[in-house]
């Protein structure tokens, strides 16, 4: 009898083949719960067996000794972060080095994406100490919440006074740039008052890839330790299913590239600039990226000590068991 598995994820396009039944695994029945905001570790949410989770928060909790959830080295959200640095159209900054000595706002200090964005800044020669940092909400439509946690450093890393929206401060010149994973309403229109700091984002991101060899992972997957204790093969099986869904979806996107005027060009660029298998899952396949993330989190004082990839994600023994597994004996 198939294992019943309920997981929460954002509604990524690549999940469509699972929802339509194009790809499946007879060993488990997967129920996908669509969420706009990640729910946190699945062990902390009623009725969830697994979830898409913040890589940053999961690593922090593993360093702190949290063992109620088992990480899976599968990264449903991967993205370069140079594109996430915006400024006002009238600002003089045209390179990341132009932000040295400036004031930058972030939507969340410990967010995985912002760790990578600061990594990109460091890559350009801008140290954390070279910037005055502020954390706050992007617009007045966003909630007023704590976006710094325990990482405030008065006079260097501060919450924005009165929770003023960061776009207002960017507009007025009190901020030089803002890190945001999602662009504000109207950003892509020709008349937008905001723009990316970089004029040639793909060139910067290709240079980053050539130097580091990976597309940064932002979110990863986790299952409760309870469900993994019962079915040790599940982490690898779920990862394999997600990978097959992604491959199925990617092939469809290439076939139906007319869904966007220049998606054809995007396919050409991606195929020529990124090696085959850049999206592969697994600890060994992503070791360089995972270790770079841990190093960045440590250097940015988000974790008190580094942690090995094998202590974050399902162990090699569990992966081997899954690959050799023929039937669930429970």
Protein backbone atom coordinates (compact mmCIF):
# COMPACT_ATOMS: atom_id res chain seq x y z
CA UNK A 1 0.00 0.00 0.00
CA UNK A 2 1.46 3.39 -0.98
CA UNK A 3 2.70 5.70 1.75
CA UNK A 4 0.53 8.79 2.13
CA UNK A 5 2.76 11.87 1.94
CA UNK A 6 1.64 15.47 2.38
CA UNK A 7 4.11 18.26 1.63
CA UNK A 8 3.85 22.04 1.29
CA UNK A 9 5.56 23.90 -1.55
CA UNK A 10 5.27 27.07 -3.55
CA UNK A 11 3.37 26.58 -6.79
CA UNK A 12 6.38 26.23 -9.06
CA UNK A 13 5.62 25.55 -12.72
CA UNK A 14 7.76 22.41 -12.67
CA UNK A 15 5.33 20.74 -10.25
CA UNK A 16 2.64 20.62 -12.97
CA UNK A 17 3.69 17.16 -14.26
CA UNK A 18 3.15 15.76 -10.76
CA UNK A 19 -0.24 17.41 -10.41
CA UNK A 20 -1.32 16.13 -13.84
CA UNK A 21 -0.02 12.63 -13.17
CA UNK A 22 2.66 12.70 -15.88
CA UNK A 23 5.26 11.61 -13.33
CA UNK A 24 4.65 9.63 -10.15
CA UNK A 25 6.09 7.02 -7.82
CA UNK A 26 3.93 4.01 -7.04
CA UNK A 27 5.48 3.71 -3.58
CA UNK A 28 3.80 6.88 -2.28
CA UNK A 29 0.77 9.05 -2.91
CA UNK A 30 1.85 12.68 -2.84
CA UNK A 31 -0.49 15.47 -1.82
CA UNK A 32 0.92 18.91 -2.63
CA UNK A 33 -0.29 21.80 -0.50
CA UNK A 34 0.28 25.09 -2.31
CA UNK A 35 1.63 27.91 -0.12
CA UNK A 36 2.65 31.51 -0.82
CA UNK A 37 4.82 31.68 2.31
CA UNK A 38 7.03 28.81 3.42
CA UNK A 39 5.54 27.17 6.53
CA UNK A 40 8.81 26.46 8.36
CA UNK A 41 10.05 23.01 9.27
CA UNK A 42 7.38 20.36 8.61
CA UNK A 43 7.69 18.90 12.12
CA UNK A 44 6.38 22.20 13.43
CA UNK A 45 3.23 22.16 11.27
CA UNK A 46 0.26 19.88 11.88
CA UNK A 47 -0.56 17.36 9.14
CA UNK A 48 2.63 17.96 7.13
CA UNK A 49 5.15 15.24 6.37
CA UNK A 50 7.47 17.51 4.42
CA UNK A 51 7.94 20.99 3.06
CA UNK A 52 10.00 23.30 0.94
CA UNK A 53 12.12 25.21 3.45
CA UNK A 54 14.50 28.15 3.62
CA UNK A 55 18.05 26.87 3.20
CA UNK A 56 19.28 29.55 5.62
CA UNK A 57 16.85 28.78 8.39
CA UNK A 58 17.29 25.04 7.98
CA UNK A 59 21.08 25.30 8.21
CA UNK A 60 20.79 27.53 11.28
CA UNK A 61 18.55 25.02 12.99
CA UNK A 62 20.80 22.09 12.12
CA UNK A 63 23.78 23.96 13.56
CA UNK A 64 21.68 24.54 16.69
CA UNK A 65 21.08 20.79 17.01
CA UNK A 66 17.56 20.50 15.56
CA UNK A 67 16.96 16.87 14.52
CA UNK A 68 13.18 16.64 14.11
CA UNK A 69 13.48 17.18 10.35
CA UNK A 70 15.70 15.59 7.71
CA UNK A 71 17.01 17.77 4.89
CA UNK A 72 17.02 16.63 1.27
CA UNK A 73 19.70 18.00 -1.06
CA UNK A 74 17.12 19.05 -3.62
CA UNK A 75 16.72 22.76 -4.36
CA UNK A 76 13.33 23.71 -5.84
CA UNK A 77 14.38 27.38 -5.87
CA UNK A 78 17.71 28.25 -7.44
CA UNK A 79 18.58 31.70 -8.72
CA UNK A 80 21.40 34.14 -9.23
CA UNK A 81 20.95 37.21 -7.06
CA UNK A 82 22.56 40.06 -8.99
CA UNK A 83 19.11 40.75 -10.45
CA UNK A 84 17.69 41.34 -6.99
CA UNK A 85 19.63 44.56 -6.30
CA UNK A 86 17.57 47.59 -7.30
CA UNK A 87 17.93 51.35 -7.05
CA UNK A 88 16.10 54.46 -8.21
CA UNK A 89 16.42 55.33 -11.86
CA UNK A 90 18.26 58.58 -11.10
CA UNK A 91 20.98 56.94 -8.96
CA UNK A 92 24.51 56.93 -10.35
CA UNK A 93 25.35 53.34 -9.33
CA UNK A 94 25.95 51.06 -12.33
CA UNK A 95 28.13 48.41 -10.66
CA UNK A 96 28.12 46.63 -7.33
CA UNK A 97 31.33 48.39 -6.35
CA UNK A 98 29.44 51.68 -6.67
CA UNK A 99 27.48 50.64 -3.56
CA UNK A 100 30.57 50.69 -1.34
CA UNK A 101 30.03 53.22 1.43
CA UNK A 102 26.29 53.39 0.74
CA UNK A 103 23.12 52.42 2.58
CA UNK A 104 21.31 49.23 1.54
CA UNK A 105 17.92 47.92 2.64
CA UNK A 106 17.05 44.23 2.87
CA UNK A 107 13.66 42.55 3.23
CA UNK A 108 15.09 40.00 5.68
CA UNK A 109 18.60 39.76 7.06
CA UNK A 110 18.78 35.99 7.41
CA UNK A 111 16.92 35.16 4.19
CA UNK A 112 18.80 32.67 2.02
CA UNK A 113 18.56 34.89 -1.03
CA UNK A 114 20.04 37.86 0.81
CA UNK A 115 22.95 35.75 2.04
CA UNK A 116 23.73 34.98 -1.60
CA UNK A 117 23.21 38.61 -2.63
CA UNK A 118 25.72 39.76 -0.02
CA UNK A 119 28.00 36.99 -1.34
CA UNK A 120 27.73 38.56 -4.80
CA UNK A 121 28.56 41.95 -3.29
CA UNK A 122 31.63 40.49 -1.58
CA UNK A 123 32.59 38.92 -4.90
CA UNK A 124 32.68 42.45 -6.32
CA UNK A 125 34.96 43.62 -3.51
CA UNK A 126 32.31 45.17 -1.26
CA UNK A 127 32.65 43.87 2.29
CA UNK A 128 29.78 43.78 4.77
CA UNK A 129 31.57 46.49 6.75
CA UNK A 130 31.60 48.75 3.68
CA UNK A 131 27.82 49.16 3.79
CA UNK A 132 25.30 50.62 6.25
CA UNK A 133 22.51 48.04 6.43
CA UNK A 134 18.81 48.46 7.13
CA UNK A 135 16.01 45.89 7.27
CA UNK A 136 12.36 46.64 6.61
CA UNK A 137 9.30 46.05 4.50
CA UNK A 138 9.47 46.80 0.80
CA UNK A 139 6.14 48.61 0.48
CA UNK A 140 3.27 49.61 2.74
CA UNK A 141 1.40 46.53 1.52
CA UNK A 142 3.95 44.25 3.17
CA UNK A 143 3.53 43.24 6.81
CA UNK A 144 5.29 44.93 9.71
CA UNK A 145 7.37 42.09 11.16
CA UNK A 146 10.78 41.56 12.69
CA UNK A 147 13.16 41.24 9.75
CA UNK A 148 16.41 41.21 11.70
CA UNK A 149 15.89 38.65 14.45
CA UNK A 150 18.94 38.46 16.73
CA UNK A 151 21.29 39.87 14.09
CA UNK A 152 20.91 43.61 14.70
CA UNK A 153 24.13 45.59 15.18
CA UNK A 154 23.17 49.16 16.19
CA UNK A 155 24.78 51.70 13.92
CA UNK A 156 25.61 49.09 11.29
CA UNK A 157 22.65 46.71 10.86
CA UNK A 158 19.39 48.31 12.00
CA UNK A 159 15.65 48.01 11.60
CA UNK A 160 14.18 50.95 9.70
CA UNK A 161 12.69 53.62 11.95
CA UNK A 162 8.88 53.68 12.08
CA UNK A 163 8.81 50.75 9.63
CA UNK A 164 8.85 53.21 6.72
CA UNK A 165 8.61 51.28 3.42
CA UNK A 166 12.04 50.89 1.86
CA UNK A 167 10.89 52.03 -1.56
CA UNK A 168 9.97 55.38 0.01
CA UNK A 169 13.49 55.65 1.42
CA UNK A 170 14.99 54.60 -1.89
CA UNK A 171 12.89 57.22 -3.63
CA UNK A 172 13.96 59.96 -1.22
CA UNK A 173 17.64 59.08 -1.39
CA UNK A 174 17.97 57.77 2.16
CA UNK A 175 18.78 54.34 0.73
CA UNK A 176 21.10 53.73 -2.21
CA UNK A 177 19.82 50.25 -3.03
CA UNK A 178 17.41 47.55 -1.88
CA UNK A 179 17.73 43.78 -1.99
CA UNK A 180 14.38 42.22 -2.88
CA UNK A 181 13.50 38.74 -4.20
CA UNK A 182 10.28 40.00 -5.77
CA UNK A 183 10.06 43.18 -7.77
CA UNK A 184 7.57 45.87 -6.74
CA UNK A 185 4.43 46.49 -8.74
CA UNK A 186 5.19 48.29 -12.01
CA UNK A 187 8.93 47.61 -11.82
CA UNK A 188 9.09 46.04 -15.29
CA UNK A 189 7.19 48.84 -17.03
CA UNK A 190 9.17 51.41 -19.08
CA UNK A 191 8.01 54.22 -16.81
CA UNK A 192 9.20 52.63 -13.55
CA UNK A 193 11.11 54.95 -11.22
CA UNK A 194 13.27 52.01 -10.12
CA UNK A 195 15.79 49.86 -12.01
CA UNK A 196 18.36 47.13 -11.41
CA UNK A 197 21.73 48.49 -10.34
CA UNK A 198 23.40 46.45 -13.10
CA UNK A 199 22.73 47.20 -16.76
CA UNK A 200 23.89 43.77 -17.95
CA UNK A 201 22.62 41.30 -15.37
CA UNK A 202 23.24 38.11 -17.41
CA UNK A 203 26.91 39.03 -17.92
CA UNK A 204 27.43 39.47 -14.17
CA UNK A 205 25.64 36.23 -13.36
CA UNK A 206 27.53 34.26 -16.03
CA UNK A 207 30.81 35.61 -14.61
CA UNK A 208 29.68 34.50 -11.13
CA UNK A 209 28.87 31.02 -12.44
CA UNK A 210 32.22 30.71 -14.21
CA UNK A 211 33.99 31.64 -10.98
CA UNK A 212 31.97 29.49 -8.55
CA UNK A 213 30.48 26.75 -10.72
CA UNK A 214 26.90 26.76 -9.43
CA UNK A 215 23.52 28.44 -9.52
CA UNK A 216 22.78 29.34 -5.87
CA UNK A 217 20.23 27.25 -4.02
CA UNK A 218 17.72 29.32 -2.07
CA UNK A 219 15.18 26.75 -0.85
CA UNK A 220 15.65 23.08 -0.11
CA UNK A 221 13.37 20.22 0.93
CA UNK A 222 12.82 18.54 4.29
CA UNK A 223 10.82 15.60 5.66
CA UNK A 224 9.97 14.98 9.27
CA UNK A 225 12.38 12.63 11.01
CA UNK A 226 9.34 10.61 12.06
CA UNK A 227 8.34 9.77 8.50
CA UNK A 228 11.97 9.10 7.50
CA UNK A 229 12.37 6.73 10.46
CA UNK A 230 9.46 4.72 9.08
CA UNK A 231 10.50 4.92 5.43
CA UNK A 232 14.23 5.58 5.06
CA UNK A 233 13.98 5.47 1.27
CA UNK A 234 11.59 8.45 1.10
CA UNK A 235 14.10 11.36 0.99
CA UNK A 236 15.74 10.03 -2.16
CA UNK A 237 12.45 8.91 -3.67
CA UNK A 238 10.89 12.36 -3.22
CA UNK A 239 14.00 14.04 -4.60
CA UNK A 240 13.96 11.76 -7.65
CA UNK A 241 10.29 12.51 -8.27
CA UNK A 242 10.88 16.27 -8.13
CA UNK A 243 13.84 15.91 -10.48
CA UNK A 244 11.82 13.91 -12.98
CA UNK A 245 9.06 16.50 -12.82
CA UNK A 246 11.58 19.27 -13.48
CA UNK A 247 13.08 17.44 -16.47
CA UNK A 248 9.62 16.72 -17.90
CA UNK A 249 8.60 20.36 -17.46
CA UNK A 250 11.87 21.72 -18.89
CA UNK A 251 11.44 19.62 -22.04
CA UNK A 252 7.89 20.93 -22.45
CA UNK A 253 9.07 24.50 -21.99
CA UNK A 254 11.55 24.05 -24.83
CA UNK A 255 8.89 22.58 -27.08
CA UNK A 256 6.36 25.30 -26.29
CA UNK A 257 8.72 28.26 -26.17
CA UNK A 258 6.13 30.51 -27.82
CA UNK A 259 4.51 31.07 -24.43
CA UNK A 260 6.82 34.11 -24.14
CA UNK A 261 8.17 36.30 -26.97
CA UNK A 262 11.85 35.71 -26.09
CA UNK A 263 11.77 32.44 -24.20
CA UNK A 264 13.42 30.87 -27.26
CA UNK A 265 16.41 33.14 -26.71
CA UNK A 266 16.49 32.22 -23.02
CA UNK A 267 16.69 28.54 -23.93
CA UNK A 268 19.59 29.22 -26.28
CA UNK A 269 21.44 31.22 -23.65
CA UNK A 270 20.89 28.70 -20.85
CA UNK A 271 21.91 25.71 -22.95
CA UNK A 272 25.07 27.41 -24.18
CA UNK A 273 26.22 29.05 -20.96
CA UNK A 274 25.31 26.43 -18.36
CA UNK A 275 26.62 22.86 -18.43
CA UNK A 276 24.30 19.88 -18.62
CA UNK A 277 23.21 18.84 -15.16
CA UNK A 278 23.54 22.27 -13.52
CA UNK A 279 20.21 21.58 -11.81
CA UNK A 280 21.07 18.11 -10.47
CA UNK A 281 20.17 17.22 -6.89
CA UNK A 282 22.29 15.40 -4.33
CA UNK A 283 24.99 16.22 -1.81
CA UNK A 284 27.96 15.39 -4.04
CA UNK A 285 26.49 17.21 -7.03
CA UNK A 286 25.94 20.34 -4.91
CA UNK A 287 28.82 20.10 -2.46
CA UNK A 288 30.58 23.24 -3.73
CA UNK A 289 27.36 25.25 -3.51
CA UNK A 290 26.39 23.96 -0.07
CA UNK A 291 29.87 24.57 1.34
CA UNK A 292 29.93 28.07 -0.16
CA UNK A 293 26.57 28.84 1.43
CA UNK A 294 27.69 27.57 4.83
CA UNK A 295 30.88 29.61 4.56
CA UNK A 296 28.88 32.71 3.60
CA UNK A 297 26.44 32.20 6.47
CA UNK A 298 29.36 31.81 8.88
CA UNK A 299 31.23 34.82 7.52
CA UNK A 300 28.03 36.88 7.77
CA UNK A 301 27.68 35.81 11.42
CA UNK A 302 24.42 33.93 10.93
CA UNK A 303 25.78 30.68 12.34
CA UNK A 304 28.38 30.26 15.11
CA UNK A 305 30.27 27.46 13.37
CA UNK A 306 30.42 25.77 9.95
CA UNK A 307 28.58 22.52 9.33
CA UNK A 308 29.28 19.72 6.84
CA UNK A 309 26.76 19.01 4.06
CA UNK A 310 26.28 15.47 5.43
CA UNK A 311 25.07 16.97 8.71
CA UNK A 312 22.46 19.08 6.93
CA UNK A 313 20.98 16.57 4.53
CA UNK A 314 19.96 12.92 4.45
CA UNK A 315 23.04 10.78 4.99
CA UNK A 316 24.81 8.91 2.17
CA UNK A 317 23.71 5.65 3.82
CA UNK A 318 20.07 6.69 3.48
CA UNK A 319 20.66 7.70 -0.13
CA UNK A 320 22.31 4.37 -0.90
CA UNK A 321 19.44 2.52 0.74
CA UNK A 322 16.99 4.44 -1.41
CA UNK A 323 18.83 3.67 -4.64
CA UNK A 324 18.92 -0.05 -3.86
CA UNK A 325 15.38 -0.16 -2.52
CA UNK A 326 12.87 -2.45 -4.16
CA UNK A 327 9.85 -2.37 -1.90
CA UNK A 328 8.81 -0.80 1.38
CA UNK A 329 9.07 -3.54 4.01
CA UNK A 330 7.21 -1.60 6.71
